[in-house]
């Protein structure tokens, strides 16, 4: 028998989130926005104040990048 134990999915998600946050630190971004989902609620945090219109524009661009990424994932299934 194998000594491997199943890893709950949520532990993998936490590891992915940690890796992503460390990548953001290494990239030395000027501003970072973090969207988190926990217990059915969306949490939004940002690292510094940015012009409101500029922030909305960045979020709109991010939305399209996320949609493109999701489209690419479904193409490989």
C-alpha atoms as a PDB file:
ATOM      1  CA  UNK A   1       0.000   0.000   0.000  1.00  0.00           C
ATOM      2  CA  UNK A   2       1.041   3.537  -0.669  1.00  0.00           C
ATOM      3  CA  UNK A   3       1.919   5.925   2.132  1.00  0.00           C
ATOM      4  CA  UNK A   4       0.456   8.831   0.154  1.00  0.00           C
ATOM      5  CA  UNK A   5      -2.410  10.675   1.786  1.00  0.00           C
ATOM      6  CA  UNK A   6      -5.022  12.509  -0.259  1.00  0.00           C
ATOM      7  CA  UNK A   7      -4.623  16.291  -0.111  1.00  0.00           C
ATOM      8  CA  UNK A   8      -7.870  18.205   0.237  1.00  0.00           C
ATOM      9  CA  UNK A   9      -8.391  20.615  -2.626  1.00  0.00           C
ATOM     10  CA  UNK A  10      -8.528  23.633  -0.325  1.00  0.00           C
ATOM     11  CA  UNK A  11      -4.923  23.005   0.780  1.00  0.00           C
ATOM     12  CA  UNK A  12      -3.828  23.114  -2.860  1.00  0.00           C
ATOM     13  CA  UNK A  13      -5.704  26.394  -3.311  1.00  0.00           C
ATOM     14  CA  UNK A  14      -3.929  27.903  -0.305  1.00  0.00           C
ATOM     15  CA  UNK A  15      -0.549  26.843  -1.709  1.00  0.00           C
ATOM     16  CA  UNK A  16      -1.462  28.367  -5.097  1.00  0.00           C
ATOM     17  CA  UNK A  17      -2.529  31.628  -3.440  1.00  0.00           C
ATOM     18  CA  UNK A  18       0.713  31.798  -1.439  1.00  0.00           C
ATOM     19  CA  UNK A  19       2.811  31.206  -4.550  1.00  0.00           C
ATOM     20  CA  UNK A  20       0.886  33.886  -6.457  1.00  0.00           C
ATOM     21  CA  UNK A  21       1.323  36.437  -3.662  1.00  0.00           C
ATOM     22  CA  UNK A  22       5.062  35.737  -3.460  1.00  0.00           C
ATOM     23  CA  UNK A  23       5.305  36.157  -7.249  1.00  0.00           C
ATOM     24  CA  UNK A  24       3.612  39.557  -6.887  1.00  0.00           C
ATOM     25  CA  UNK A  25       6.143  40.590  -4.246  1.00  0.00           C
ATOM     26  CA  UNK A  26       9.039  39.502  -6.474  1.00  0.00           C
ATOM     27  CA  UNK A  27       7.595  41.463  -9.423  1.00  0.00           C
ATOM     28  CA  UNK A  28       7.768  44.716  -7.391  1.00  0.00           C
ATOM     29  CA  UNK A  29       4.457  46.018  -8.761  1.00  0.00           C
ATOM     30  CA  UNK A  30       3.605  49.670  -8.056  1.00  0.00           C
ATOM     31  CA  UNK A  31       0.085  48.730  -7.002  1.00  0.00           C
ATOM     32  CA  UNK A  32      -1.449  45.376  -6.161  1.00  0.00           C
ATOM     33  CA  UNK A  33      -5.143  44.524  -5.997  1.00  0.00           C
ATOM     34  CA  UNK A  34      -6.111  41.273  -4.317  1.00  0.00           C
ATOM     35  CA  UNK A  35      -9.487  39.666  -4.912  1.00  0.00           C
ATOM     36  CA  UNK A  36     -10.262  36.902  -2.490  1.00  0.00           C
ATOM     37  CA  UNK A  37     -13.253  34.616  -2.152  1.00  0.00           C
ATOM     38  CA  UNK A  38     -14.068  33.118   1.228  1.00  0.00           C
ATOM     39  CA  UNK A  39     -17.256  31.798   2.798  1.00  0.00           C
ATOM     40  CA  UNK A  40     -19.320  32.975  -0.163  1.00  0.00           C
ATOM     41  CA  UNK A  41     -18.046  36.553   0.018  1.00  0.00           C
ATOM     42  CA  UNK A  42     -15.750  38.554  -2.222  1.00  0.00           C
ATOM     43  CA  UNK A  43     -12.971  40.489  -0.488  1.00  0.00           C
ATOM     44  CA  UNK A  44     -11.047  43.262  -2.260  1.00  0.00           C
ATOM     45  CA  UNK A  45      -7.844  44.873  -1.004  1.00  0.00           C
ATOM     46  CA  UNK A  46      -5.373  47.183  -2.681  1.00  0.00           C
ATOM     47  CA  UNK A  47      -1.873  48.254  -1.727  1.00  0.00           C
ATOM     48  CA  UNK A  48      -2.155  52.001  -2.285  1.00  0.00           C
ATOM     49  CA  UNK A  49      -4.537  54.694  -3.428  1.00  0.00           C
ATOM     50  CA  UNK A  50      -4.945  54.975  -7.177  1.00  0.00           C
ATOM     51  CA  UNK A  51      -7.128  57.335  -9.174  1.00  0.00           C
ATOM     52  CA  UNK A  52     -10.670  55.890  -9.170  1.00  0.00           C
ATOM     53  CA  UNK A  53     -11.078  56.031 -12.968  1.00  0.00           C
ATOM     54  CA  UNK A  54      -7.668  54.436 -13.491  1.00  0.00           C
ATOM     55  CA  UNK A  55      -8.544  51.635 -11.062  1.00  0.00           C
ATOM     56  CA  UNK A  56     -11.831  50.935 -12.878  1.00  0.00           C
ATOM     57  CA  UNK A  57      -9.958  50.796 -16.183  1.00  0.00           C
ATOM     58  CA  UNK A  58      -7.412  48.359 -14.772  1.00  0.00           C
ATOM     59  CA  UNK A  59     -10.177  46.162 -13.378  1.00  0.00           C
ATOM     60  CA  UNK A  60     -11.932  46.160 -16.755  1.00  0.00           C
ATOM     61  CA  UNK A  61      -8.706  45.080 -18.478  1.00  0.00           C
ATOM     62  CA  UNK A  62      -8.194  42.403 -15.833  1.00  0.00           C
ATOM     63  CA  UNK A  63     -11.719  41.105 -16.467  1.00  0.00           C
ATOM     64  CA  UNK A  64     -10.961  40.554 -20.144  1.00  0.00           C
ATOM     65  CA  UNK A  65      -7.606  38.921 -19.379  1.00  0.00           C
ATOM     66  CA  UNK A  66      -9.327  36.541 -16.951  1.00  0.00           C
ATOM     67  CA  UNK A  67     -12.001  35.710 -19.524  1.00  0.00           C
ATOM     68  CA  UNK A  68      -9.289  34.991 -22.122  1.00  0.00           C
ATOM     69  CA  UNK A  69      -7.457  32.755 -19.632  1.00  0.00           C
ATOM     70  CA  UNK A  70     -10.652  30.843 -18.850  1.00  0.00           C
ATOM     71  CA  UNK A  71     -11.415  30.428 -22.560  1.00  0.00           C
ATOM     72  CA  UNK A  72      -7.956  28.938 -23.059  1.00  0.00           C
ATOM     73  CA  UNK A  73      -8.526  26.463 -20.234  1.00  0.00           C
ATOM     74  CA  UNK A  74     -11.812  25.212 -21.643  1.00  0.00           C
ATOM     75  CA  UNK A  75     -10.257  24.695 -25.101  1.00  0.00           C
ATOM     76  CA  UNK A  76      -7.926  22.009 -23.694  1.00  0.00           C
ATOM     77  CA  UNK A  77     -10.626  19.882 -22.049  1.00  0.00           C
END
